[in-house]
Protein backbone atom coordinates (compact mmCIF):
# COMPACT_ATOMS: atom_id res chain seq x y z
CA UNK A 1 -10.51 -33.81 -1.84
CA UNK A 2 -11.43 -34.81 -5.39
CA UNK A 3 -9.79 -32.96 -8.26
CA UNK A 4 -11.45 -32.71 -11.62
CA UNK A 5 -8.59 -33.56 -13.98
CA UNK A 6 -10.58 -32.85 -17.12
CA UNK A 7 -11.47 -29.34 -15.88
CA UNK A 8 -7.87 -28.59 -14.90
CA UNK A 9 -6.63 -29.87 -18.25
CA UNK A 10 -9.07 -27.62 -20.15
CA UNK A 11 -8.06 -24.59 -18.08
CA UNK A 12 -4.37 -25.23 -18.74
CA UNK A 13 -5.04 -25.60 -22.48
CA UNK A 14 -7.07 -22.38 -22.57
CA UNK A 15 -4.31 -20.51 -20.73
CA UNK A 16 -1.73 -21.79 -23.20
CA UNK A 17 -3.81 -20.52 -26.13
CA UNK A 18 -4.24 -17.02 -24.67
CA UNK A 19 -1.76 -14.70 -26.34
CA UNK A 20 -3.12 -11.31 -25.34
CA UNK A 21 -0.44 -8.65 -25.26
CA UNK A 22 -0.33 -6.91 -21.91
CA UNK A 23 0.45 -3.17 -21.73
CA UNK A 24 3.44 -3.77 -19.50
CA UNK A 25 4.97 -6.33 -21.84
CA UNK A 26 8.39 -5.58 -23.27
CA UNK A 27 8.45 -4.75 -26.95
CA UNK A 28 8.17 -2.06 -29.60
CA UNK A 29 5.02 -0.55 -28.11
CA UNK A 30 6.63 -0.14 -24.68
CA UNK A 31 9.84 1.25 -26.18
CA UNK A 32 7.81 3.86 -28.07
CA UNK A 33 5.96 4.80 -24.88
CA UNK A 34 9.20 5.18 -22.91
CA UNK A 35 10.75 7.32 -25.66
CA UNK A 36 7.66 9.53 -25.81
CA UNK A 37 7.69 9.98 -22.03
CA UNK A 38 11.41 10.82 -22.02
CA UNK A 39 10.88 13.40 -24.76
CA UNK A 40 8.01 14.97 -22.81
CA UNK A 41 10.22 15.25 -19.73
CA UNK A 42 12.98 16.91 -21.78
CA UNK A 43 10.64 19.55 -23.14
CA UNK A 44 9.03 20.23 -19.76
CA UNK A 45 12.45 20.79 -18.19
CA UNK A 46 13.40 23.30 -20.89
CA UNK A 47 10.20 25.30 -20.52
CA UNK A 48 9.90 25.23 -16.75
């Protein structure tokens, strides 16, 4: 089976350049989401 080295190389380079932040990534955004969810659970327990 013949592999296209140039194609594979370009795909690897493109993947290395991609720096899109995923929603499940650890960081400030996720910490804020977890804190917000915890606060919502606290208030729902007090009212219900």
